PDB file of N, CA and C in Angstrom:
ATOM      1  N   MET A   1      -2.506 123.040 120.455  1.00  0.00           N
ATOM      2  CA  MET A   1      -3.888 123.168 120.978  1.00  0.00           C
ATOM      3  C   MET A   1      -4.953 123.128 120.117  1.00  0.00           C
ATOM      4  N   THR A   2      -5.880 122.212 120.097  1.00  0.00           N
ATOM      5  CA  THR A   2      -6.846 122.033 119.270  1.00  0.00           C
ATOM      6  C   THR A   2      -8.096 122.593 119.794  1.00  0.00           C
ATOM      7  N   PHE A   3      -9.212 123.022 119.034  1.00  0.00           N
ATOM      8  CA  PHE A   3     -10.487 123.463 119.662  1.00  0.00           C
ATOM      9  C   PHE A   3     -11.284 122.645 118.574  1.00  0.00           C
ATOM     10  N   SER A   4     -12.472 122.438 119.214  1.00  0.00           N
ATOM     11  CA  SER A   4     -13.717 121.710 118.536  1.00  0.00           C
ATOM     12  C   SER A   4     -14.301 123.204 117.732  1.00  0.00           C
ATOM     13  N   PRO A   5     -15.057 122.840 117.050  1.00  0.00           N
ATOM     14  CA  PRO A   5     -16.020 124.110 116.248  1.00  0.00           C
ATOM     15  C   PRO A   5     -16.708 124.810 117.263  1.00  0.00           C
ATOM     16  N   ALA A   6     -17.213 124.265 118.331  1.00  0.00           N
ATOM     17  CA  ALA A   6     -18.279 124.982 119.337  1.00  0.00           C
ATOM     18  C   ALA A   6     -17.026 125.691 120.269  1.00  0.00           C
ATOM     19  N   GLN A   7     -15.950 125.206 120.511  1.00  0.00           N
ATOM     20  CA  GLN A   7     -15.254 126.024 121.319  1.00  0.00           C
ATOM     21  C   GLN A   7     -14.601 127.075 120.817  1.00  0.00           C
ATOM     22  N   PHE A   8     -14.120 127.021 119.417  1.00  0.00           N
ATOM     23  CA  PHE A   8     -13.818 128.024 118.602  1.00  0.00           C
ATOM     24  C   PHE A   8     -14.778 128.992 118.365  1.00  0.00           C
ATOM     25  N   ALA A   9     -16.130 128.684 118.325  1.00  0.00           N
ATOM     26  CA  ALA A   9     -17.152 129.693 117.891  1.00  0.00           C
ATOM     27  C   ALA A   9     -17.351 130.588 119.403  1.00  0.00           C
ATOM     28  N   ARG A  10     -17.217 129.808 120.491  1.00  0.00           N
ATOM     29  CA  ARG A  10     -17.408 130.503 121.661  1.00  0.00           C
ATOM     30  C   ARG A  10     -16.174 131.535 122.077  1.00  0.00           C
ATOM     31  N   ARG A  11     -15.003 131.044 121.610  1.00  0.00           N
ATOM     32  CA  ARG A  11     -13.933 131.879 121.901  1.00  0.00           C
ATOM     33  C   ARG A  11     -13.717 133.037 121.041  1.00  0.00           C
ATOM     34  N   TYR A  12     -14.010 132.747 119.622  1.00  0.00           N
ATOM     35  CA  TYR A  12     -13.844 133.788 118.752  1.00  0.00           C
ATOM     36  C   TYR A  12     -15.270 134.327 118.051  1.00  0.00           C
ATOM     37  N   PRO A  13     -16.237 134.636 118.694  1.00  0.00           N
ATOM     38  CA  PRO A  13     -17.758 134.949 117.871  1.00  0.00           C
ATOM     39  C   PRO A  13     -17.598 136.042 117.019  1.00  0.00           C
ATOM     40  N   TRP A  14     -16.602 137.118 117.137  1.00  0.00           N
ATOM     41  CA  TRP A  14     -16.615 138.214 116.240  1.00  0.00           C
ATOM     42  C   TRP A  14     -16.023 137.720 114.992  1.00  0.00           C
ATOM     43  N   LEU A  15     -15.294 136.525 114.807  1.00  0.00           N
ATOM     44  CA  LEU A  15     -14.728 136.166 113.742  1.00  0.00           C
ATOM     45  C   LEU A  15     -15.768 135.730 112.733  1.00  0.00           C
ATOM     46  N   ALA A  16     -16.501 135.068 113.082  1.00  0.00           N
ATOM     47  CA  ALA A  16     -17.872 134.528 112.397  1.00  0.00           C
ATOM     48  C   ALA A  16     -18.645 135.837 111.657  1.00  0.00           C
ATOM     49  N   TRP A  17     -18.806 136.789 112.587  1.00  0.00           N
ATOM     50  CA  TRP A  17     -19.530 138.062 112.043  1.00  0.00           C
ATOM     51  C   TRP A  17     -18.630 138.701 111.014  1.00  0.00           C
ATOM     52  N   ILE A  18     -17.254 138.740 111.009  1.00  0.00           N
ATOM     53  CA  ILE A  18     -16.248 139.368 110.085  1.00  0.00           C
ATOM     54  C   ILE A  18     -16.585 138.589 108.922  1.00  0.00           C
ATOM     55  N   LEU A  19     -16.615 137.231 108.823  1.00  0.00           N
ATOM     56  CA  LEU A  19     -16.502 136.306 107.696  1.00  0.00           C
ATOM     57  C   LEU A  19     -17.989 136.499 107.021  1.00  0.00           C
ATOM     58  N   VAL A  20     -19.078 136.695 107.716  1.00  0.00           N
ATOM     59  CA  VAL A  20     -20.392 136.951 107.056  1.00  0.00           C
ATOM     60  C   VAL A  20     -20.368 138.300 106.371  1.00  0.00           C
ATOM     61  N   LEU A  21     -19.962 139.348 107.085  1.00  0.00           N
ATOM     62  CA  LEU A  21     -19.954 140.600 106.386  1.00  0.00           C
ATOM     63  C   LEU A  21     -18.834 140.749 105.334  1.00  0.00           C
ATOM     64  N   ALA A  22     -17.957 140.059 105.360  1.00  0.00           N
ATOM     65  CA  ALA A  22     -16.917 139.930 103.994  1.00  0.00           C
ATOM     66  C   ALA A  22     -17.607 139.452 102.914  1.00  0.00           C
ATOM     67  N   ILE A  23     -18.269 138.285 103.113  1.00  0.00           N
ATOM     68  CA  ILE A  23     -19.029 137.553 101.952  1.00  0.00           C
ATOM     69  C   ILE A  23     -20.040 138.430 101.694  1.00  0.00           C
ATOM     70  N   PHE A  24     -20.838 138.961 102.259  1.00  0.00           N
ATOM     71  CA  PHE A  24     -21.913 139.740 101.904  1.00  0.00           C
ATOM     72  C   PHE A  24     -21.434 140.947 101.225  1.00  0.00           C
ATOM     73  N   GLY A  25     -20.429 141.561 101.806  1.00  0.00           N
ATOM     74  CA  GLY A  25     -19.877 142.759 101.046  1.00  0.00           C
ATOM     75  C   GLY A  25     -19.428 142.584  99.868  1.00  0.00           C
ATOM     76  N   GLY A  26     -18.696 141.366  99.667  1.00  0.00           N
ATOM     77  CA  GLY A  26     -18.136 140.943  98.338  1.00  0.00           C
ATOM     78  C   GLY A  26     -19.331 140.643  97.217  1.00  0.00           C
ATOM     79  N   ALA A  27     -20.528 140.043  97.685  1.00  0.00           N
ATOM     80  CA  ALA A  27     -21.602 139.716  97.184  1.00  0.00           C
ATOM     81  C   ALA A  27     -22.165 141.047  96.394  1.00  0.00           C
ATOM     82  N   VAL A  28     -22.234 142.049  97.283  1.00  0.00           N
ATOM     83  CA  VAL A  28     -22.950 143.140  96.811  1.00  0.00           C
ATOM     84  C   VAL A  28     -22.243 143.920  95.928  1.00  0.00           C
ATOM     85  N   GLY A  29     -20.649 144.010  96.146  1.00  0.00           N
ATOM     86  CA  GLY A  29     -19.708 144.637  95.396  1.00  0.00           C
ATOM     87  C   GLY A  29     -19.884 144.179  93.928  1.00  0.00           C
ATOM     88  N   VAL A  30     -19.948 142.592  93.922  1.00  0.00           N
ATOM     89  CA  VAL A  30     -19.849 141.934  92.570  1.00  0.00           C
ATOM     90  C   VAL A  30     -21.108 142.290  91.743  1.00  0.00           C
ATOM     91  N   GLY A  31     -22.331 142.492  92.667  1.00  0.00           N
ATOM     92  CA  GLY A  31     -23.661 142.692  92.080  1.00  0.00           C
ATOM     93  C   GLY A  31     -23.663 144.063  91.605  1.00  0.00           C
ATOM     94  N   VAL A  32     -23.194 145.073  92.198  1.00  0.00           N
ATOM     95  CA  VAL A  32     -23.258 146.457  91.776  1.00  0.00           C
ATOM     96  C   VAL A  32     -22.542 146.653  90.452  1.00  0.00           C
ATOM     97  N   LEU A  33     -21.174 145.979  90.562  1.00  0.00           N
ATOM     98  CA  LEU A  33     -20.338 146.324  89.394  1.00  0.00           C
ATOM     99  C   LEU A  33     -20.986 145.376  88.045  1.00  0.00           C
ATOM    100  N   GLY A  34     -21.456 144.561  88.273  1.00  0.00           N
ATOM    101  CA  GLY A  34     -22.152 143.631  87.372  1.00  0.00           C
ATOM    102  C   GLY A  34     -23.311 144.246  86.720  1.00  0.00           C
ATOM    103  N   GLY A  35     -24.103 144.780  87.478  1.00  0.00           N
ATOM    104  CA  GLY A  35     -25.361 145.646  87.330  1.00  0.00           C
ATOM    105  C   GLY A  35     -24.967 146.968  86.438  1.00  0.00           C
ATOM    106  N   ALA A  36     -23.959 147.555  86.927  1.00  0.00           N
ATOM    107  CA  ALA A  36     -23.379 148.907  86.195  1.00  0.00           C
ATOM    108  C   ALA A  36     -22.818 148.568  84.810  1.00  0.00           C
ATOM    109  N   TRP A  37     -22.209 147.228  84.633  1.00  0.00           N
ATOM    110  CA  TRP A  37     -21.680 147.030  83.390  1.00  0.00           C
ATOM    111  C   TRP A  37     -22.956 146.640  82.553  1.00  0.00           C
ATOM    112  N   MET A  38     -23.976 145.901  82.904  1.00  0.00           N
ATOM    113  CA  MET A  38     -25.076 145.637  82.285  1.00  0.00           C
ATOM    114  C   MET A  38     -25.774 146.953  81.823  1.00  0.00           C
ATOM    115  N   VAL A  39     -25.984 147.660  82.652  1.00  0.00           N
ATOM    116  CA  VAL A  39     -26.792 149.044  82.239  1.00  0.00           C
ATOM    117  C   VAL A  39     -25.975 149.759  81.130  1.00  0.00           C
ATOM    118  N   ILE A  40     -24.753 149.998  81.407  1.00  0.00           N
ATOM    119  CA  ILE A  40     -23.802 150.737  80.654  1.00  0.00           C
ATOM    120  C   ILE A  40     -23.695 150.069  79.259  1.00  0.00           C
ATOM    121  N   CYS A  41     -23.655 148.956  79.121  1.00  0.00           N
ATOM    122  CA  CYS A  41     -23.243 148.275  77.687  1.00  0.00           C
ATOM    123  C   CYS A  41     -24.287 147.580  77.139  1.00  0.00           C
ATOM    124  N   ARG A  42     -25.500 147.710  77.702  1.00  0.00           N
ATOM    125  CA  ARG A  42     -26.756 146.797  77.197  1.00  0.00           C
ATOM    126  C   ARG A  42     -26.811 147.178  75.743  1.00  0.00           C
ATOM    127  N   GLU A  43     -27.331 146.184  74.952  1.00  0.00           N
ATOM    128  CA  GLU A  43     -27.673 146.366  73.525  1.00  0.00           C
ATOM    129  C   GLU A  43     -26.620 146.852  72.669  1.00  0.00           C
ATOM    130  N   GLY A  44     -25.461 146.383  73.099  1.00  0.00           N
ATOM    131  CA  GLY A  44     -24.143 146.910  72.259  1.00  0.00           C
ATOM    132  C   GLY A  44     -23.744 148.207  72.168  1.00  0.00           C
ATOM    133  N   ARG A  45     -24.196 148.797  73.057  1.00  0.00           N
ATOM    134  CA  ARG A  45     -23.762 150.265  73.151  1.00  0.00           C
ATOM    135  C   ARG A  45     -22.160 150.431  73.453  1.00  0.00           C
ATOM    136  N   CYS A  46     -21.610 149.639  73.912  1.00  0.00           N
ATOM    137  CA  CYS A  46     -20.089 149.816  74.187  1.00  0.00           C
ATOM    138  C   CYS A  46     -19.354 149.348  72.910  1.00  0.00           C
ATOM    139  N   PRO A  47     -18.492 150.169  72.578  1.00  0.00           N
ATOM    140  CA  PRO A  47     -17.614 150.085  71.351  1.00  0.00           C
ATOM    141  C   PRO A  47     -16.820 148.841  71.333  1.00  0.00           C
ATOM    142  N   SER A  48     -16.568 148.120  70.431  1.00  0.00           N
ATOM    143  CA  SER A  48     -15.644 147.106  70.382  1.00  0.00           C
ATOM    144  C   SER A  48     -14.017 147.614  70.232  1.00  0.00           C
ATOM    145  N   ILE A  49     -13.171 146.681  70.577  1.00  0.00           N
ATOM    146  CA  ILE A  49     -11.705 147.062  70.778  1.00  0.00           C
ATOM    147  C   ILE A  49     -11.209 147.360  69.135  1.00  0.00           C
ATOM    148  N   ALA A  50     -11.853 146.679  68.177  1.00  0.00           N
ATOM    149  CA  ALA A  50     -11.394 146.849  66.889  1.00  0.00           C
ATOM    150  C   ALA A  50     -11.789 148.375  66.381  1.00  0.00           C
ATOM    151  N   SER A  51     -13.005 148.846  66.609  1.00  0.00           N
ATOM    152  CA  SER A  51     -13.399 150.053  66.336  1.00  0.00           C
ATOM    153  C   SER A  51     -12.689 151.123  67.075  1.00  0.00           C
ATOM    154  N   LEU A  52     -12.370 150.873  68.318  1.00  0.00           N
ATOM    155  CA  LEU A  52     -11.352 151.759  69.125  1.00  0.00           C
ATOM    156  C   LEU A  52     -10.107 151.908  68.446  1.00  0.00           C
ATOM    157  N   GLU A  53      -9.619 150.949  67.871  1.00  0.00           N
ATOM    158  CA  GLU A  53      -8.351 151.116  67.163  1.00  0.00           C
ATOM    159  C   GLU A  53      -8.305 151.845  66.036  1.00  0.00           C
ATOM    160  N   ALA A  54      -9.310 151.841  65.343  1.00  0.00           N
ATOM    161  CA  ALA A  54      -9.686 152.361  64.049  1.00  0.00           C
ATOM    162  C   ALA A  54     -10.220 153.780  64.206  1.00  0.00           C
ATOM    163  N   TYR A  55     -10.299 154.336  65.450  1.00  0.00           N
ATOM    164  CA  TYR A  55     -10.960 155.605  65.693  1.00  0.00           C
ATOM    165  C   TYR A  55     -10.323 156.570  65.010  1.00  0.00           C
ATOM    166  N   VAL A  56     -10.924 157.624  64.321  1.00  0.00           N
ATOM    167  CA  VAL A  56     -10.353 158.834  63.872  1.00  0.00           C
ATOM    168  C   VAL A  56     -11.160 160.061  64.268  1.00  0.00           C
ATOM    169  N   PRO A  57     -10.852 160.880  65.006  1.00  0.00           N
ATOM    170  CA  PRO A  57     -11.472 161.888  65.701  1.00  0.00           C
ATOM    171  C   PRO A  57     -12.067 162.950  64.592  1.00  0.00           C
ATOM    172  N   SER A  58     -13.228 163.359  64.824  1.00  0.00           N
ATOM    173  CA  SER A  58     -13.563 164.458  63.768  1.00  0.00           C
ATOM    174  C   SER A  58     -12.623 165.738  63.989  1.00  0.00           C
ATOM    175  N   GLN A  59     -12.404 166.496  62.896  1.00  0.00           N
ATOM    176  CA  GLN A  59     -11.340 167.533  63.029  1.00  0.00           C
ATOM    177  C   GLN A  59     -12.011 168.888  62.531  1.00  0.00           C
ATOM    178  N   THR A  60     -11.490 169.874  62.989  1.00  0.00           N
ATOM    179  CA  THR A  60     -11.869 171.197  62.593  1.00  0.00           C
ATOM    180  C   THR A  60     -11.421 171.738  61.095  1.00  0.00           C
ATOM    181  N   SER A  61     -12.293 172.599  60.679  1.00  0.00           N
ATOM    182  CA  SER A  61     -11.884 173.472  59.483  1.00  0.00           C
ATOM    183  C   SER A  61     -11.170 174.641  59.792  1.00  0.00           C
ATOM    184  N   LYS A  62      -9.948 174.603  59.173  1.00  0.00           N
ATOM    185  CA  LYS A  62      -9.088 175.753  59.599  1.00  0.00           C
ATOM    186  C   LYS A  62      -9.301 176.760  58.534  1.00  0.00           C
ATOM    187  N   VAL A  63      -9.468 178.090  59.013  1.00  0.00           N
ATOM    188  CA  VAL A  63      -9.843 179.208  58.142  1.00  0.00           C
ATOM    189  C   VAL A  63      -8.600 180.024  57.945  1.00  0.00           C
ATOM    190  N   TYR A  64      -8.209 180.384  56.648  1.00  0.00           N
ATOM    191  CA  TYR A  64      -7.104 181.231  56.412  1.00  0.00           C
ATOM    192  C   TYR A  64      -7.489 182.460  55.565  1.00  0.00           C
ATOM    193  N   ALA A  65      -6.848 183.620  55.822  1.00  0.00           N
ATOM    194  CA  ALA A  65      -6.924 184.848  55.039  1.00  0.00           C
ATOM    195  C   ALA A  65      -6.321 184.595  53.582  1.00  0.00           C
ATOM    196  N   ALA A  66      -6.807 185.637  52.866  1.00  0.00           N
ATOM    197  CA  ALA A  66      -6.296 185.459  51.400  1.00  0.00           C
ATOM    198  C   ALA A  66      -4.828 185.636  51.451  1.00  0.00           C
ATOM    199  N   ASP A  67      -4.101 186.256  52.327  1.00  0.00           N
ATOM    200  CA  ASP A  67      -2.767 186.284  52.497  1.00  0.00           C
ATOM    201  C   ASP A  67      -2.088 185.247  53.117  1.00  0.00           C
ATOM    202  N   GLY A  68      -2.714 184.112  53.587  1.00  0.00           N
ATOM    203  CA  GLY A  68      -1.850 183.043  54.348  1.00  0.00           C
ATOM    204  C   GLY A  68      -2.183 182.992  55.653  1.00  0.00           C
ATOM    205  N   ARG A  69      -2.470 184.118  56.262  1.00  0.00           N
ATOM    206  CA  ARG A  69      -2.672 184.178  57.925  1.00  0.00           C
ATOM    207  C   ARG A  69      -3.846 183.303  58.231  1.00  0.00           C
ATOM    208  N   PHE A  70      -3.375 182.531  59.422  1.00  0.00           N
ATOM    209  CA  PHE A  70      -4.551 181.652  60.061  1.00  0.00           C
ATOM    210  C   PHE A  70      -5.532 182.650  60.865  1.00  0.00           C
ATOM    211  N   ILE A  71      -6.677 182.457  60.566  1.00  0.00           N
ATOM    212  CA  ILE A  71      -7.672 183.076  61.336  1.00  0.00           C
ATOM    213  C   ILE A  71      -8.547 182.376  62.236  1.00  0.00           C
ATOM    214  N   THR A  72      -9.033 181.171  62.084  1.00  0.00           N
ATOM    215  CA  THR A  72      -9.620 180.541  63.250  1.00  0.00           C
ATOM    216  C   THR A  72      -9.920 179.021  62.841  1.00  0.00           C
ATOM    217  N   GLU A  73     -10.474 178.164  63.737  1.00  0.00           N
ATOM    218  CA  GLU A  73     -10.854 176.991  63.588  1.00  0.00           C
ATOM    219  C   GLU A  73     -12.246 176.831  63.745  1.00  0.00           C
ATOM    220  N   LEU A  74     -13.038 175.929  62.981  1.00  0.00           N
ATOM    221  CA  LEU A  74     -14.356 175.823  63.109  1.00  0.00           C
ATOM    222  C   LEU A  74     -14.703 174.377  63.255  1.00  0.00           C
ATOM    223  N   GLY A  75     -15.371 174.060  64.324  1.00  0.00           N
ATOM    224  CA  GLY A  75     -15.697 172.654  64.656  1.00  0.00           C
ATOM    225  C   GLY A  75     -15.653 172.418  66.029  1.00  0.00           C
ATOM    226  N   LEU A  76     -16.125 171.009  66.347  1.00  0.00           N
ATOM    227  CA  LEU A  76     -16.167 170.700  67.927  1.00  0.00           C
ATOM    228  C   LEU A  76     -14.804 170.312  68.564  1.00  0.00           C
ATOM    229  N   GLU A  77     -14.100 169.639  67.743  1.00  0.00           N
ATOM    230  CA  GLU A  77     -12.645 169.034  68.354  1.00  0.00           C
ATOM    231  C   GLU A  77     -11.609 169.742  67.643  1.00  0.00           C
ATOM    232  N   ARG A  78     -10.869 170.089  68.530  1.00  0.00           N
ATOM    233  CA  ARG A  78      -9.590 170.851  67.990  1.00  0.00           C
ATOM    234  C   ARG A  78      -8.284 170.103  68.031  1.00  0.00           C
ATOM    235  N   ARG A  79      -8.229 169.116  67.293  1.00  0.00           N
ATOM    236  CA  ARG A  79      -7.160 168.446  67.332  1.00  0.00           C
ATOM    237  C   ARG A  79      -6.697 167.856  65.981  1.00  0.00           C
ATOM    238  N   THR A  80      -5.388 167.720  65.736  1.00  0.00           N
ATOM    239  CA  THR A  80      -4.987 167.397  64.403  1.00  0.00           C
ATOM    240  C   THR A  80      -4.097 166.099  64.775  1.00  0.00           C
ATOM    241  N   LEU A  81      -4.188 164.999  63.884  1.00  0.00           N
ATOM    242  CA  LEU A  81      -3.351 163.924  64.344  1.00  0.00           C
ATOM    243  C   LEU A  81      -2.055 163.898  63.528  1.00  0.00           C
ATOM    244  N   VAL A  82      -1.008 163.661  64.126  1.00  0.00           N
ATOM    245  CA  VAL A  82       0.342 163.729  63.610  1.00  0.00           C
ATOM    246  C   VAL A  82       1.114 162.306  64.036  1.00  0.00           C
ATOM    247  N   SER A  83       1.917 161.906  63.329  1.00  0.00           N
ATOM    248  CA  SER A  83       2.690 160.914  63.507  1.00  0.00           C
ATOM    249  C   SER A  83       3.852 161.066  64.809  1.00  0.00           C
ATOM    250  N   LEU A  84       4.422 160.273  65.234  1.00  0.00           N
ATOM    251  CA  LEU A  84       5.498 160.534  66.322  1.00  0.00           C
ATOM    252  C   LEU A  84       6.603 161.394  65.701  1.00  0.00           C
ATOM    253  N   SER A  85       6.959 160.852  64.455  1.00  0.00           N
ATOM    254  CA  SER A  85       8.193 161.562  64.122  1.00  0.00           C
ATOM    255  C   SER A  85       7.918 162.955  63.581  1.00  0.00           C
ATOM    256  N   GLN A  86       6.613 163.572  63.660  1.00  0.00           N
ATOM    257  CA  GLN A  86       6.536 164.787  63.388  1.00  0.00           C
ATOM    258  C   GLN A  86       6.552 165.799  64.510  1.00  0.00           C
ATOM    259  N   ILE A  87       6.632 165.082  65.774  1.00  0.00           N
ATOM    260  CA  ILE A  87       6.743 165.748  67.149  1.00  0.00           C
ATOM    261  C   ILE A  87       8.237 166.062  67.289  1.00  0.00           C
ATOM    262  N   PRO A  88       8.649 167.367  67.431  1.00  0.00           N
ATOM    263  CA  PRO A  88      10.022 167.489  67.884  1.00  0.00           C
ATOM    264  C   PRO A  88      10.580 166.679  69.070  1.00  0.00           C
ATOM    265  N   LYS A  89      11.834 166.365  69.205  1.00  0.00           N
ATOM    266  CA  LYS A  89      12.167 165.419  70.321  1.00  0.00           C
ATOM    267  C   LYS A  89      12.178 166.137  71.446  1.00  0.00           C
ATOM    268  N   HIS A  90      12.311 167.390  71.638  1.00  0.00           N
ATOM    269  CA  HIS A  90      12.403 168.211  73.056  1.00  0.00           C
ATOM    270  C   HIS A  90      10.946 168.108  73.554  1.00  0.00           C
ATOM    271  N   VAL A  91       9.830 168.212  72.388  1.00  0.00           N
ATOM    272  CA  VAL A  91       8.575 168.292  73.010  1.00  0.00           C
ATOM    273  C   VAL A  91       8.509 166.856  73.566  1.00  0.00           C
ATOM    274  N   ARG A  92       8.491 165.878  72.954  1.00  0.00           N
ATOM    275  CA  ARG A  92       8.504 164.478  73.473  1.00  0.00           C
ATOM    276  C   ARG A  92       9.152 164.433  74.880  1.00  0.00           C
ATOM    277  N   ASP A  93      10.472 164.815  74.952  1.00  0.00           N
ATOM    278  CA  ASP A  93      11.103 164.813  76.172  1.00  0.00           C
ATOM    279  C   ASP A  93      10.394 165.564  77.376  1.00  0.00           C
ATOM    280  N   ALA A  94       9.859 166.637  76.993  1.00  0.00           N
ATOM    281  CA  ALA A  94       9.189 167.530  78.060  1.00  0.00           C
ATOM    282  C   ALA A  94       8.134 166.785  78.505  1.00  0.00           C
ATOM    283  N   VAL A  95       7.383 166.047  77.709  1.00  0.00           N
ATOM    284  CA  VAL A  95       6.034 165.433  78.086  1.00  0.00           C
ATOM    285  C   VAL A  95       6.568 164.230  79.197  1.00  0.00           C
ATOM    286  N   VAL A  96       7.506 163.512  78.789  1.00  0.00           N
ATOM    287  CA  VAL A  96       7.978 162.320  79.630  1.00  0.00           C
ATOM    288  C   VAL A  96       8.475 162.806  80.890  1.00  0.00           C
ATOM    289  N   ARG A  97       9.215 164.162  80.943  1.00  0.00           N
ATOM    290  CA  ARG A  97       9.698 164.590  82.095  1.00  0.00           C
ATOM    291  C   ARG A  97       8.465 165.102  83.057  1.00  0.00           C
ATOM    292  N   GLU A  98       7.472 165.763  82.479  1.00  0.00           N
ATOM    293  CA  GLU A  98       6.226 166.241  82.906  1.00  0.00           C
ATOM    294  C   GLU A  98       5.570 165.032  83.670  1.00  0.00           C
ATOM    295  N   LEU A  99       5.370 163.911  82.921  1.00  0.00           N
ATOM    296  CA  LEU A  99       4.683 162.872  83.564  1.00  0.00           C
ATOM    297  C   LEU A  99       5.558 162.196  84.971  1.00  0.00           C
ATOM    298  N   PHE A 100       6.840 162.197  84.742  1.00  0.00           N
ATOM    299  CA  PHE A 100       7.530 161.876  85.836  1.00  0.00           C
ATOM    300  C   PHE A 100       7.581 162.801  86.758  1.00  0.00           C
ATOM    301  N   GLY A 101       7.608 163.933  86.716  1.00  0.00           N
ATOM    302  CA  GLY A 101       7.659 165.069  87.668  1.00  0.00           C
ATOM    303  C   GLY A 101       6.243 164.956  88.633  1.00  0.00           C
ATOM    304  N   ARG A 102       5.089 164.930  87.895  1.00  0.00           N
ATOM    305  CA  ARG A 102       3.961 164.904  88.653  1.00  0.00           C
ATOM    306  C   ARG A 102       3.585 163.599  89.286  1.00  0.00           C
ATOM    307  N   GLY A 103       4.402 162.779  89.017  1.00  0.00           N
ATOM    308  CA  GLY A 103       4.230 161.288  89.851  1.00  0.00           C
ATOM    309  C   GLY A 103       3.042 160.512  88.890  1.00  0.00           C
ATOM    310  N   ILE A 104       2.829 161.050  87.729  1.00  0.00           N
ATOM    311  CA  ILE A 104       1.731 160.152  86.915  1.00  0.00           C
ATOM    312  C   ILE A 104       2.255 158.806  86.465  1.00  0.00           C
ATOM    313  N   CYS A 105       3.555 158.950  86.145  1.00  0.00           N
ATOM    314  CA  CYS A 105       4.133 157.677  85.679  1.00  0.00           C
ATOM    315  C   CYS A 105       5.514 157.360  86.453  1.00  0.00           C
ATOM    316  N   GLN A 106       5.505 156.106  86.973  1.00  0.00           N
ATOM    317  CA  GLN A 106       6.765 155.639  87.607  1.00  0.00           C
ATOM    318  C   GLN A 106       7.379 154.482  86.789  1.00  0.00           C
ATOM    319  N   GLY A 107       8.614 154.221  86.912  1.00  0.00           N
ATOM    320  CA  GLY A 107       9.275 153.029  86.331  1.00  0.00           C
ATOM    321  C   GLY A 107       9.763 153.523  84.867  1.00  0.00           C
ATOM    322  N   THR A 108       9.653 152.694  84.035  1.00  0.00           N
ATOM    323  CA  THR A 108      10.264 153.006  82.769  1.00  0.00           C
ATOM    324  C   THR A 108       9.224 153.148  81.472  1.00  0.00           C
ATOM    325  N   ILE A 109       9.311 154.220  80.856  1.00  0.00           N
ATOM    326  CA  ILE A 109       8.205 154.587  79.951  1.00  0.00           C
ATOM    327  C   ILE A 109       8.832 154.265  78.360  1.00  0.00           C
ATOM    328  N   ILE A 110       7.965 153.518  77.800  1.00  0.00           N
ATOM    329  CA  ILE A 110       8.545 152.823  76.311  1.00  0.00           C
ATOM    330  C   ILE A 110       7.453 153.718  75.497  1.00  0.00           C
ATOM    331  N   VAL A 111       8.138 154.366  74.574  1.00  0.00           N
ATOM    332  CA  VAL A 111       7.372 155.230  73.521  1.00  0.00           C
ATOM    333  C   VAL A 111       7.382 154.644  72.158  1.00  0.00           C
ATOM    334  N   GLY A 112       6.528 154.262  71.603  1.00  0.00           N
ATOM    335  CA  GLY A 112       6.544 153.654  70.312  1.00  0.00           C
ATOM    336  C   GLY A 112       5.371 154.045  69.263  1.00  0.00           C
ATOM    337  N   GLU A 113       5.602 154.051  68.311  1.00  0.00           N
ATOM    338  CA  GLU A 113       4.571 154.494  67.333  1.00  0.00           C
ATOM    339  C   GLU A 113       3.916 153.075  66.594  1.00  0.00           C
ATOM    340  N   SER A 114       2.569 152.892  66.740  1.00  0.00           N
ATOM    341  CA  SER A 114       1.953 151.994  66.051  1.00  0.00           C
ATOM    342  C   SER A 114       0.769 152.506  65.036  1.00  0.00           C
ATOM    343  N   GLY A 115       0.990 152.656  64.007  1.00  0.00           N
ATOM    344  CA  GLY A 115      -0.222 153.486  63.162  1.00  0.00           C
ATOM    345  C   GLY A 115       0.214 154.869  63.460  1.00  0.00           C
ATOM    346  N   ARG A 116      -0.978 155.494  63.876  1.00  0.00           N
ATOM    347  CA  ARG A 116      -1.223 156.955  64.124  1.00  0.00           C
ATOM    348  C   ARG A 116      -1.354 157.128  65.675  1.00  0.00           C
ATOM    349  N   ARG A 117      -1.145 156.380  66.364  1.00  0.00           N
ATOM    350  CA  ARG A 117      -1.114 156.607  67.914  1.00  0.00           C
ATOM    351  C   ARG A 117       0.220 156.293  68.643  1.00  0.00           C
ATOM    352  N   LEU A 118       0.224 156.945  69.647  1.00  0.00           N
ATOM    353  CA  LEU A 118       1.574 157.101  70.687  1.00  0.00           C
ATOM    354  C   LEU A 118       0.935 156.215  71.736  1.00  0.00           C
ATOM    355  N   GLU A 119       1.912 155.337  72.086  1.00  0.00           N
ATOM    356  CA  GLU A 119       1.707 154.368  73.205  1.00  0.00           C
ATOM    357  C   GLU A 119       2.592 154.716  74.207  1.00  0.00           C
ATOM    358  N   VAL A 120       2.193 154.898  75.399  1.00  0.00           N
ATOM    359  CA  VAL A 120       3.042 155.290  76.436  1.00  0.00           C
ATOM    360  C   VAL A 120       2.622 154.137  77.716  1.00  0.00           C
ATOM    361  N   ARG A 121       3.558 153.157  77.914  1.00  0.00           N
ATOM    362  CA  ARG A 121       3.247 152.152  78.828  1.00  0.00           C
ATOM    363  C   ARG A 121       4.304 152.313  80.066  1.00  0.00           C
ATOM    364  N   THR A 122       3.851 151.943  81.265  1.00  0.00           N
ATOM    365  CA  THR A 122       4.678 151.939  82.400  1.00  0.00           C
ATOM    366  C   THR A 122       5.028 150.702  82.708  1.00  0.00           C
ATOM    367  N   GLN A 123       6.344 150.186  83.338  1.00  0.00           N
ATOM    368  CA  GLN A 123       6.558 149.006  83.672  1.00  0.00           C
ATOM    369  C   GLN A 123       7.152 148.944  85.028  1.00  0.00           C
TER     370      GLN A 123
END
């Protein structure tokens, strides 16, 4: 059974409205996302991928007593970069178990060391 365009429009008038609303909604969505990107990254404010790969966070100063006791850390960020080989295997396994247990990661986790960063990817 074939319909002429006029018969189709009379039979399914709501379909035209759904199509118009979908096109309008898609255009608005693209405009909002594009505008947000332009506002956030205007004038080169977004970092390049190369600069993110070479990122080294600022570290704190560790203060020790004369007898070698650790007293405190001074600074904004409390992190110390270590290589994957310096992290005990039971700690790495506990992190992987926790990620799977909370449902954060599903599938296979590949852990590898490239430079000084830990890559965890799900497949």
